[in-house]
Structures are given as C-alpha cells and as structure tokens.
Amino acid sequence: MTSPRRGGDWAIEQLRAVRVPDDARGMVAAVRACIEGPTIKGVAIPEAHVNDRGDGKPGRVDLVACCPGLPLLFIECDRLSPRAKSIAKLKLLPGRRLVLLRGVTRDDWVDGVQVIGLAIEGT
C-alpha cells in the first residue's frame, strides 16, 4: 500500500540511510543518534510512555522524535517484520508513525503506519 507524501519526508529519508547493529538496543541507539545528529537536529525520547498500547493497557514506544518544523514522529524498532503490537500502539497516536525493521529490505504501509527496512552494519 502506498501513501501520499507527508510532512517530514526529508527526515524519513535520513533515517532510511541509517545502518544499524543487529540488536534491539543498538538499533534504537543508532536511530536516536541520527535524529539528534546535525542533519535532522531533533530530540528523541526513548521508551516514551503511551496510555494505550492497543489493548487498553499502558505501554511504551521505542522513540518519540521531536524535530524542528515537523509533526511528532513515533517510532517502533522491530526485527524482521512489524509486530502486531507495534502497529496497534502506533495506530492510536497522532503524528507520523513509523516501524523500522533491521536486516530486511522493505518500504510500505500497514494500517496507516509506514514500515521501512534498515540495513545491518557491515552488510
């Protein structure tokens, strides 16, 4: 499924180029460094609390990015495919929603959430 271009596409393009380690914490750290780096110049809040993770219970989103002049960007970092829980959480949030995957080539949309695969470092 495709979606029209939305505010923040230039920042998404920067994230798309990030090469990440093949572990969850390292991936979040690499994405956060990109957001807070000299090109995007944003602030990334890790493990941001959300009131509803899709099942009525509170939860956390891997990163919430605040970037100058852009809508909030909510990011979940998953392995090979977007988890149903990640999509459910993100669907409830306003702003730009993104699932980043590590180690796969992917660029599509699932229920209004953009899904992008990132390359592993050294590949």
Protein backbone atom coordinates (compact mmCIF):
# COMPACT_ATOMS: atom_id res chain seq x y z
CA MET A 1 0.00 0.00 0.00
CA THR A 2 1.33 3.44 -0.80
CA SER A 3 0.52 6.68 0.92
CA PRO A 4 0.84 10.30 -0.16
CA ARG A 5 3.97 12.16 0.88
CA ARG A 6 3.59 13.70 4.30
CA GLY A 7 5.40 16.30 6.34
CA GLY A 8 8.77 15.06 7.48
CA ASP A 9 9.68 13.03 4.40
CA TRP A 10 13.16 14.58 4.37
CA ALA A 11 13.73 13.30 7.91
CA ILE A 12 12.43 9.85 6.93
CA GLU A 13 14.94 9.81 4.07
CA GLN A 14 17.74 10.46 6.58
CA LEU A 15 16.52 7.59 8.77
CA ARG A 16 16.26 5.28 5.75
CA ALA A 17 20.04 5.60 5.23
CA VAL A 18 21.00 4.58 8.79
CA ARG A 19 22.90 1.30 9.12
CA VAL A 20 22.11 -0.36 12.42
CA PRO A 21 23.66 -3.06 14.62
CA ASP A 22 21.86 -6.39 14.66
CA ASP A 23 20.47 -5.96 18.18
CA ALA A 24 17.47 -4.06 19.54
CA ARG A 25 19.28 -1.64 21.87
CA GLY A 26 21.94 -0.85 19.31
CA MET A 27 19.30 -0.19 16.67
CA VAL A 28 17.41 2.24 18.90
CA ALA A 29 20.68 4.00 19.76
CA ALA A 30 21.65 4.34 16.07
CA VAL A 31 18.23 5.72 15.11
CA ARG A 32 18.32 8.12 18.07
CA ALA A 33 21.79 9.33 17.06
CA CYS A 34 20.51 10.05 13.54
CA ILE A 35 17.53 12.03 14.86
CA GLU A 36 19.70 14.05 17.26
CA GLY A 37 22.51 14.49 14.72
CA PRO A 38 23.48 17.56 12.69
CA THR A 39 21.10 16.94 9.77
CA ILE A 40 17.74 16.35 11.49
CA LYS A 41 18.63 18.28 14.69
CA GLY A 42 15.78 16.74 16.64
CA VAL A 43 15.26 15.35 20.11
CA ALA A 44 14.49 11.66 20.53
CA ILE A 45 12.77 10.48 23.69
CA PRO A 46 13.41 6.77 24.31
CA GLU A 47 10.84 4.44 25.85
CA ALA A 48 8.11 7.08 25.78
CA HIS A 49 5.02 6.20 27.80
CA VAL A 50 1.69 5.77 25.99
CA ASN A 51 -1.66 5.40 27.75
CA ASP A 52 -2.90 2.64 25.45
CA ARG A 53 -0.78 0.12 23.58
CA GLY A 54 -3.76 -1.10 21.58
CA ASP A 55 -5.25 -3.38 24.21
CA GLY A 56 -6.33 -0.77 26.75
CA LYS A 57 -3.17 -1.16 28.84
CA PRO A 58 -0.35 1.39 29.14
CA GLY A 59 2.86 0.76 27.27
CA ARG A 60 5.91 2.33 25.69
CA VAL A 61 7.00 3.40 22.24
CA ASP A 62 10.68 2.87 21.40
CA LEU A 63 11.25 6.50 20.34
CA VAL A 64 9.30 9.72 20.04
CA ALA A 65 11.10 12.26 17.88
CA CYS A 66 10.53 15.99 18.10
CA CYS A 67 12.09 17.64 15.04
CA PRO A 68 12.00 21.33 14.17
CA GLY A 69 9.08 22.17 11.91
CA LEU A 70 7.78 18.58 11.73
CA PRO A 71 4.92 16.65 13.30
CA LEU A 72 5.80 14.31 16.15
CA LEU A 73 7.34 11.09 14.89
CA PHE A 74 6.52 7.90 16.78
CA ILE A 75 8.94 5.04 16.06
CA GLU A 76 8.92 1.35 16.91
CA CYS A 77 12.06 -0.69 16.13
CA ASP A 78 11.36 -4.33 15.27
CA ARG A 79 13.41 -7.19 13.79
CA LEU A 80 12.22 -8.75 10.52
CA SER A 81 8.57 -7.71 10.37
CA PRO A 82 6.34 -5.24 12.20
CA ARG A 83 4.84 -6.77 15.32
CA ALA A 84 1.05 -6.57 15.60
CA LYS A 85 1.54 -4.86 18.98
CA SER A 86 3.73 -2.19 17.37
CA ILE A 87 1.14 -1.43 14.69
CA ALA A 88 -1.71 -1.38 17.26
CA LYS A 89 0.19 1.06 19.51
CA LEU A 90 1.17 3.39 16.71
CA LYS A 91 -2.29 3.49 15.13
CA LEU A 92 -3.62 5.18 18.27
CA LEU A 93 -1.08 8.01 18.22
CA PRO A 94 -1.27 11.33 16.38
CA GLY A 95 1.55 12.49 14.13
CA ARG A 96 3.82 10.46 11.87
CA ARG A 97 4.06 6.75 12.69
CA LEU A 98 6.93 4.53 11.66
CA VAL A 99 8.14 0.97 12.21
CA LEU A 100 11.80 0.47 11.41
CA LEU A 101 12.97 -3.08 10.74
CA ARG A 102 16.53 -4.32 10.85
CA GLY A 103 18.07 -6.64 8.33
CA VAL A 104 15.34 -6.57 5.68
CA THR A 105 14.51 -4.58 2.58
CA ARG A 106 11.03 -3.14 2.94
CA ASP A 107 9.21 0.10 2.25
CA ASP A 108 5.43 0.01 2.56
CA TRP A 109 2.50 0.92 4.77
CA VAL A 110 0.48 -1.23 7.20
CA ASP A 111 -2.78 0.25 8.52
CA GLY A 112 -1.51 3.81 8.11
CA VAL A 113 1.90 3.07 9.63
CA GLN A 114 4.98 3.40 7.44
CA VAL A 115 7.31 0.37 7.53
CA ILE A 116 10.94 0.76 6.42
CA GLY A 117 13.73 -1.81 6.48
CA LEU A 118 17.22 -0.70 7.51
CA ALA A 119 20.49 -2.39 6.58
CA ILE A 120 22.64 -4.05 9.19
CA GLU A 121 26.08 -2.50 9.76
CA GLY A 122 28.76 -4.16 7.68
CA THR A 123 26.41 -5.50 5.01
